[in-house]
C-alpha cells in the first residue's frame, strides 16, 4: 500500500483537508499522514467545512514534518508552494507534487469551501495515480 504525506506551512487547513479526504476516499487503497513545516492547530473552520460534506476531521492534530521519516512515504504533496523549503529527501520521493492551493485563512467560508473542493478533486486524481 502506497503512503502519502501532505505538507503545508502550518498543517492547519489545506493539508488537514487532504488527509481527511484521503482517509475516506483512499481507505484500503493508500495510507496517509499530514504535517507542517511547523506544527500549529487545526483550524475550526476547516473542521466545519469538512463536516458539511460528511467528513469528520475533528480528531486530527497538527504535526511537524520533523516527526516523520521521508523513507516511509511514496508520495509527498505540498499544498502551499512550500516544496522549495522541504528537506531534499522529501522532494526526492517516487511522487512529488506542489499543488500551490490558496490559503483560506482570514477569508470567507466560501473560500474555505472552494479550496476544500479543489483539494478533493486533486486527492481523487492522486489516489488513482498511486493504485
N, C-alpha and C. Protein backbone atom coordinates (compact mmCIF):
# COMPACT_ATOMS: atom_id res chain seq x y z
N UNK A 1 0.84 -1.18 0.00
CA UNK A 1 0.00 0.00 0.00
C UNK A 1 0.89 1.25 0.00
N UNK A 2 0.61 2.17 -0.91
CA UNK A 2 1.39 3.42 -1.01
C UNK A 2 1.05 4.34 0.17
N UNK A 3 2.08 5.08 0.60
CA UNK A 3 1.89 6.03 1.70
C UNK A 3 2.11 7.45 1.21
N UNK A 4 1.17 8.33 1.59
CA UNK A 4 1.18 9.72 1.15
C UNK A 4 1.43 10.63 2.34
N UNK A 5 2.28 11.66 2.13
CA UNK A 5 2.47 12.72 3.12
C UNK A 5 2.03 14.03 2.48
N UNK A 6 1.07 14.70 3.11
CA UNK A 6 0.66 16.04 2.68
C UNK A 6 1.35 17.03 3.59
N UNK A 7 1.98 18.04 3.00
CA UNK A 7 2.73 19.03 3.77
C UNK A 7 2.26 20.44 3.44
N UNK A 8 2.14 21.25 4.48
CA UNK A 8 1.81 22.66 4.33
C UNK A 8 2.67 23.43 5.33
N UNK A 9 2.51 24.73 5.35
CA UNK A 9 3.32 25.52 6.29
C UNK A 9 2.98 25.19 7.74
N UNK A 10 1.67 25.19 8.06
CA UNK A 10 1.25 25.04 9.46
C UNK A 10 0.47 23.76 9.75
N UNK A 11 0.10 23.00 8.74
CA UNK A 11 -0.71 21.79 8.93
C UNK A 11 -2.00 22.11 9.68
N UNK A 12 -2.69 23.16 9.22
CA UNK A 12 -3.91 23.55 9.91
C UNK A 12 -5.15 23.62 9.02
N UNK A 13 -4.96 23.75 7.69
CA UNK A 13 -6.11 23.86 6.81
C UNK A 13 -6.01 22.90 5.61
N UNK A 14 -5.29 23.29 4.56
CA UNK A 14 -5.27 22.51 3.31
C UNK A 14 -4.77 21.08 3.51
N UNK A 15 -3.68 20.92 4.22
CA UNK A 15 -3.14 19.56 4.42
C UNK A 15 -4.06 18.73 5.28
N UNK A 16 -4.78 19.36 6.20
CA UNK A 16 -5.75 18.63 7.02
C UNK A 16 -6.93 18.18 6.17
N UNK A 17 -7.37 19.04 5.26
CA UNK A 17 -8.45 18.64 4.33
C UNK A 17 -8.00 17.44 3.50
N UNK A 18 -6.78 17.52 2.97
CA UNK A 18 -6.26 16.44 2.12
C UNK A 18 -6.17 15.13 2.90
N UNK A 19 -5.71 15.21 4.14
CA UNK A 19 -5.63 14.00 4.96
C UNK A 19 -7.02 13.42 5.18
N UNK A 20 -7.98 14.26 5.49
CA UNK A 20 -9.35 13.79 5.72
C UNK A 20 -9.96 13.14 4.49
N UNK A 21 -9.81 13.79 3.33
CA UNK A 21 -10.33 13.21 2.09
C UNK A 21 -9.65 11.87 1.79
N UNK A 22 -8.35 11.81 1.97
CA UNK A 22 -7.62 10.59 1.63
C UNK A 22 -7.99 9.44 2.54
N UNK A 23 -8.21 9.72 3.82
CA UNK A 23 -8.63 8.66 4.75
C UNK A 23 -9.95 8.05 4.30
N UNK A 24 -10.86 8.88 3.80
CA UNK A 24 -12.18 8.39 3.40
C UNK A 24 -12.15 7.80 1.98
N UNK A 25 -11.63 8.57 1.03
CA UNK A 25 -11.66 8.15 -0.38
C UNK A 25 -10.61 7.10 -0.71
N UNK A 26 -9.54 7.05 0.08
CA UNK A 26 -8.48 6.09 -0.20
C UNK A 26 -8.42 4.94 0.78
N UNK A 27 -9.47 4.79 1.59
CA UNK A 27 -9.49 3.72 2.60
C UNK A 27 -9.22 2.37 1.95
N UNK A 28 -8.23 1.67 2.48
CA UNK A 28 -7.87 0.36 1.95
C UNK A 28 -7.02 0.40 0.70
N UNK A 29 -6.77 1.62 0.17
CA UNK A 29 -6.00 1.76 -1.07
C UNK A 29 -4.65 2.43 -0.80
N UNK A 30 -4.64 3.45 0.05
CA UNK A 30 -3.43 4.19 0.38
C UNK A 30 -3.45 4.52 1.87
N UNK A 31 -2.28 4.79 2.42
CA UNK A 31 -2.16 5.27 3.80
C UNK A 31 -1.78 6.75 3.73
N UNK A 32 -2.13 7.52 4.75
CA UNK A 32 -1.91 8.96 4.67
C UNK A 32 -1.51 9.56 6.00
N UNK A 33 -0.68 10.60 5.91
CA UNK A 33 -0.33 11.46 7.04
C UNK A 33 -0.29 12.88 6.51
N UNK A 34 -0.35 13.84 7.43
CA UNK A 34 -0.13 15.22 7.03
C UNK A 34 0.73 15.88 8.09
N UNK A 35 1.42 16.94 7.66
CA UNK A 35 2.31 17.65 8.58
C UNK A 35 2.53 19.06 8.08
N UNK A 36 3.23 19.84 8.90
CA UNK A 36 3.57 21.20 8.53
C UNK A 36 5.05 21.44 8.71
N UNK A 37 5.55 22.49 8.07
CA UNK A 37 6.93 22.86 8.31
C UNK A 37 7.09 23.17 9.80
N UNK A 38 6.01 23.65 10.40
CA UNK A 38 5.91 23.79 11.86
C UNK A 38 4.51 23.34 12.23
N UNK A 39 4.35 22.76 13.41
CA UNK A 39 3.00 22.35 13.81
C UNK A 39 2.25 23.57 14.33
N UNK A 40 0.96 23.48 14.30
CA UNK A 40 0.09 24.59 14.68
C UNK A 40 -1.13 24.00 15.36
N UNK A 41 -2.30 24.32 14.87
CA UNK A 41 -3.53 23.67 15.32
C UNK A 41 -4.48 23.59 14.13
N UNK A 42 -5.41 22.67 14.19
CA UNK A 42 -6.36 22.51 13.09
C UNK A 42 -7.38 23.64 13.18
N UNK A 43 -7.54 24.34 12.08
CA UNK A 43 -8.45 25.48 12.00
C UNK A 43 -9.90 25.00 12.18
N UNK A 44 -10.64 25.58 13.13
CA UNK A 44 -12.03 25.15 13.36
C UNK A 44 -12.93 25.30 12.12
N UNK A 45 -12.66 26.29 11.28
CA UNK A 45 -13.47 26.45 10.06
C UNK A 45 -13.20 25.30 9.10
N UNK A 46 -11.97 24.82 9.08
CA UNK A 46 -11.63 23.66 8.25
C UNK A 46 -12.42 22.44 8.72
N UNK A 47 -12.48 22.23 10.02
CA UNK A 47 -13.27 21.13 10.58
C UNK A 47 -14.73 21.28 10.16
N UNK A 48 -15.24 22.51 10.22
CA UNK A 48 -16.64 22.78 9.88
C UNK A 48 -16.94 22.47 8.42
N UNK A 49 -16.11 22.97 7.49
CA UNK A 49 -16.43 22.77 6.07
C UNK A 49 -16.27 21.31 5.66
N UNK A 50 -15.39 20.58 6.33
CA UNK A 50 -15.28 19.14 6.04
C UNK A 50 -16.50 18.40 6.58
N UNK A 51 -16.98 18.80 7.76
CA UNK A 51 -18.15 18.11 8.34
C UNK A 51 -19.40 18.37 7.49
N UNK A 52 -19.45 19.51 6.80
CA UNK A 52 -20.59 19.81 5.92
C UNK A 52 -20.77 18.75 4.83
N UNK A 53 -19.67 18.09 4.46
CA UNK A 53 -19.76 17.06 3.41
C UNK A 53 -19.57 15.66 4.00
N UNK A 54 -19.73 15.56 5.31
CA UNK A 54 -19.75 14.24 5.95
C UNK A 54 -18.40 13.67 6.32
N UNK A 55 -17.34 14.50 6.36
CA UNK A 55 -16.02 14.01 6.75
C UNK A 55 -15.61 14.66 8.07
N UNK A 56 -15.42 13.84 9.07
CA UNK A 56 -15.07 14.32 10.41
C UNK A 56 -13.56 14.31 10.59
N UNK A 57 -12.97 15.50 10.69
CA UNK A 57 -11.52 15.60 10.93
C UNK A 57 -11.25 16.19 12.32
N UNK A 58 -12.27 16.19 13.17
CA UNK A 58 -12.13 16.83 14.48
C UNK A 58 -11.09 16.15 15.38
N UNK A 59 -10.74 14.90 15.06
CA UNK A 59 -9.74 14.18 15.87
C UNK A 59 -8.33 14.28 15.28
N UNK A 60 -8.18 14.97 14.14
CA UNK A 60 -6.86 15.13 13.53
C UNK A 60 -6.09 16.21 14.29
N UNK A 61 -4.78 16.05 14.35
CA UNK A 61 -3.94 17.03 15.03
C UNK A 61 -2.87 17.55 14.09
N UNK A 62 -2.35 18.72 14.40
CA UNK A 62 -1.29 19.32 13.61
C UNK A 62 0.05 18.74 14.07
N UNK A 63 0.86 18.32 13.09
CA UNK A 63 2.14 17.67 13.40
C UNK A 63 3.24 18.32 12.57
N UNK A 64 4.46 18.32 13.11
CA UNK A 64 5.59 18.87 12.38
C UNK A 64 6.21 17.80 11.48
N UNK A 65 6.66 18.21 10.31
CA UNK A 65 7.29 17.29 9.36
C UNK A 65 8.47 16.56 10.00
N UNK A 66 9.15 17.23 10.91
CA UNK A 66 10.34 16.65 11.57
C UNK A 66 10.01 15.41 12.40
N UNK A 67 8.72 15.16 12.66
CA UNK A 67 8.31 13.97 13.41
C UNK A 67 8.27 12.71 12.54
N UNK A 68 8.48 12.87 11.21
CA UNK A 68 8.33 11.77 10.27
C UNK A 68 9.64 11.50 9.53
N UNK A 69 9.75 10.31 8.91
CA UNK A 69 10.91 9.94 8.10
C UNK A 69 10.49 9.89 6.63
N UNK A 70 11.23 10.57 5.78
CA UNK A 70 10.88 10.63 4.36
C UNK A 70 10.84 9.24 3.72
N UNK A 71 11.72 8.33 4.18
CA UNK A 71 11.79 6.99 3.58
C UNK A 71 10.50 6.19 3.75
N UNK A 72 9.65 6.62 4.68
CA UNK A 72 8.40 5.90 4.95
C UNK A 72 7.29 6.24 3.94
N UNK A 73 7.55 7.19 3.04
CA UNK A 73 6.49 7.68 2.15
C UNK A 73 6.86 7.51 0.68
N UNK A 74 5.84 7.17 -0.12
CA UNK A 74 6.00 7.03 -1.56
C UNK A 74 5.70 8.34 -2.28
N UNK A 75 4.74 9.10 -1.74
CA UNK A 75 4.30 10.34 -2.37
C UNK A 75 4.33 11.47 -1.34
N UNK A 76 4.86 12.61 -1.76
CA UNK A 76 4.88 13.80 -0.92
C UNK A 76 4.22 14.92 -1.71
N UNK A 77 3.20 15.51 -1.10
CA UNK A 77 2.45 16.57 -1.76
C UNK A 77 2.50 17.82 -0.91
N UNK A 78 3.03 18.89 -1.50
CA UNK A 78 2.98 20.21 -0.85
C UNK A 78 1.72 20.89 -1.35
N UNK A 79 0.97 21.49 -0.44
CA UNK A 79 -0.28 22.13 -0.84
C UNK A 79 -0.18 23.64 -0.91
N UNK A 80 0.98 24.20 -0.56
CA UNK A 80 1.05 25.65 -0.40
C UNK A 80 2.22 26.29 -1.14
N UNK A 81 2.90 25.54 -1.96
CA UNK A 81 4.07 26.10 -2.61
C UNK A 81 5.31 26.05 -1.72
N UNK A 82 5.21 25.30 -0.62
CA UNK A 82 6.34 25.23 0.32
C UNK A 82 7.35 24.16 -0.08
N UNK A 83 7.15 23.53 -1.22
CA UNK A 83 8.05 22.47 -1.65
C UNK A 83 9.50 22.89 -1.70
N UNK A 84 9.74 24.16 -2.05
CA UNK A 84 11.12 24.64 -2.12
C UNK A 84 11.78 24.68 -0.74
N UNK A 85 10.97 24.67 0.32
CA UNK A 85 11.51 24.72 1.68
C UNK A 85 11.65 23.35 2.32
N UNK A 86 11.28 22.30 1.59
CA UNK A 86 11.35 20.96 2.18
C UNK A 86 12.77 20.42 2.11
N UNK A 87 13.18 19.66 3.13
CA UNK A 87 14.48 18.99 3.04
C UNK A 87 14.51 18.08 1.81
N UNK A 88 15.66 18.00 1.16
CA UNK A 88 15.78 17.28 -0.11
C UNK A 88 15.23 15.86 -0.10
N UNK A 89 15.44 15.05 0.97
CA UNK A 89 14.90 13.68 0.94
C UNK A 89 13.38 13.62 0.72
N UNK A 90 12.66 14.65 1.14
CA UNK A 90 11.20 14.66 0.95
C UNK A 90 10.84 14.93 -0.51
N UNK A 91 11.61 15.75 -1.18
CA UNK A 91 11.32 16.11 -2.57
C UNK A 91 11.68 14.97 -3.52
N UNK A 92 12.56 14.08 -3.10
CA UNK A 92 13.05 13.01 -3.96
C UNK A 92 12.26 11.70 -3.84
N UNK A 93 11.07 11.74 -3.32
CA UNK A 93 10.25 10.53 -3.22
C UNK A 93 9.75 10.14 -4.61
N UNK A 94 9.15 8.97 -4.72
CA UNK A 94 8.64 8.45 -6.01
C UNK A 94 7.73 9.46 -6.70
N UNK A 95 6.84 10.09 -5.94
CA UNK A 95 5.94 11.12 -6.46
C UNK A 95 6.12 12.36 -5.59
N UNK A 96 6.38 13.49 -6.21
CA UNK A 96 6.40 14.77 -5.50
C UNK A 96 5.62 15.77 -6.34
N UNK A 97 4.66 16.42 -5.71
CA UNK A 97 3.88 17.45 -6.41
C UNK A 97 3.73 18.64 -5.48
N UNK A 98 3.68 19.83 -6.07
CA UNK A 98 3.47 21.07 -5.33
C UNK A 98 2.18 21.69 -5.88
N UNK A 99 1.09 21.52 -5.15
CA UNK A 99 -0.22 21.91 -5.67
C UNK A 99 -0.48 23.41 -5.61
N UNK A 100 0.17 24.14 -4.72
CA UNK A 100 0.04 25.60 -4.63
C UNK A 100 -1.41 26.08 -4.59
N UNK A 101 -2.15 25.55 -3.65
CA UNK A 101 -3.55 25.96 -3.46
C UNK A 101 -3.62 27.21 -2.58
N UNK A 102 -4.65 28.01 -2.79
CA UNK A 102 -4.83 29.22 -1.98
C UNK A 102 -5.00 28.86 -0.51
N UNK A 103 -4.46 29.70 0.37
CA UNK A 103 -4.66 29.54 1.80
C UNK A 103 -5.94 30.28 2.17
N UNK A 104 -6.95 29.56 2.69
CA UNK A 104 -8.22 30.23 3.01
C UNK A 104 -8.19 31.05 4.31
N UNK A 105 -7.08 31.00 5.04
CA UNK A 105 -7.00 31.70 6.33
C UNK A 105 -7.38 33.17 6.17
N UNK A 106 -8.31 33.62 7.02
CA UNK A 106 -8.72 35.01 7.01
C UNK A 106 -9.73 35.36 5.94
N UNK A 107 -10.14 34.39 5.14
CA UNK A 107 -11.12 34.62 4.08
C UNK A 107 -12.49 34.09 4.49
N UNK A 108 -13.47 34.28 3.62
CA UNK A 108 -14.84 33.85 3.90
C UNK A 108 -14.95 32.33 3.89
N UNK A 109 -16.05 31.85 4.45
CA UNK A 109 -16.29 30.41 4.46
C UNK A 109 -16.43 29.88 3.04
N UNK A 110 -16.89 30.74 2.12
CA UNK A 110 -16.98 30.31 0.72
C UNK A 110 -15.60 29.99 0.16
N UNK A 111 -14.58 30.74 0.57
CA UNK A 111 -13.21 30.44 0.14
C UNK A 111 -12.76 29.10 0.70
N UNK A 112 -13.06 28.83 1.96
CA UNK A 112 -12.73 27.54 2.56
C UNK A 112 -13.39 26.41 1.77
N UNK A 113 -14.65 26.61 1.38
CA UNK A 113 -15.38 25.57 0.63
C UNK A 113 -14.76 25.37 -0.75
N UNK A 114 -14.37 26.45 -1.43
CA UNK A 114 -13.75 26.34 -2.76
C UNK A 114 -12.43 25.58 -2.66
N UNK A 115 -11.62 25.93 -1.68
CA UNK A 115 -10.34 25.25 -1.50
C UNK A 115 -10.58 23.78 -1.16
N UNK A 116 -11.56 23.51 -0.30
CA UNK A 116 -11.91 22.12 0.05
C UNK A 116 -12.24 21.32 -1.20
N UNK A 117 -13.04 21.89 -2.08
CA UNK A 117 -13.45 21.18 -3.29
C UNK A 117 -12.26 20.96 -4.24
N UNK A 118 -11.34 21.95 -4.30
CA UNK A 118 -10.13 21.79 -5.11
C UNK A 118 -9.25 20.68 -4.54
N UNK A 119 -9.14 20.63 -3.21
CA UNK A 119 -8.34 19.59 -2.57
C UNK A 119 -8.93 18.22 -2.90
N UNK A 120 -10.25 18.10 -2.80
CA UNK A 120 -10.90 16.80 -3.08
C UNK A 120 -10.61 16.35 -4.51
N UNK A 121 -10.74 17.24 -5.46
CA UNK A 121 -10.52 16.91 -6.87
C UNK A 121 -9.10 16.37 -7.08
N UNK A 122 -8.12 17.00 -6.46
CA UNK A 122 -6.73 16.58 -6.62
C UNK A 122 -6.45 15.27 -5.88
N UNK A 123 -7.06 15.10 -4.71
CA UNK A 123 -6.87 13.86 -3.94
C UNK A 123 -7.41 12.67 -4.73
N UNK A 124 -8.57 12.83 -5.35
CA UNK A 124 -9.15 11.75 -6.16
C UNK A 124 -8.17 11.33 -7.26
N UNK A 125 -7.57 12.31 -7.94
CA UNK A 125 -6.62 12.03 -9.02
C UNK A 125 -5.36 11.36 -8.46
N UNK A 126 -4.90 11.82 -7.31
CA UNK A 126 -3.68 11.26 -6.71
C UNK A 126 -3.89 9.80 -6.32
N UNK A 127 -5.01 9.50 -5.71
CA UNK A 127 -5.30 8.11 -5.31
C UNK A 127 -5.32 7.21 -6.55
N UNK A 128 -5.94 7.68 -7.62
CA UNK A 128 -5.98 6.90 -8.87
C UNK A 128 -4.57 6.69 -9.43
N UNK A 129 -3.73 7.71 -9.34
CA UNK A 129 -2.36 7.62 -9.84
C UNK A 129 -1.55 6.58 -9.07
N UNK A 130 -1.77 6.48 -7.79
CA UNK A 130 -0.95 5.62 -6.93
C UNK A 130 -1.40 4.17 -6.90
N UNK A 131 -2.53 3.85 -7.52
CA UNK A 131 -3.01 2.46 -7.48
C UNK A 131 -2.40 1.63 -8.57
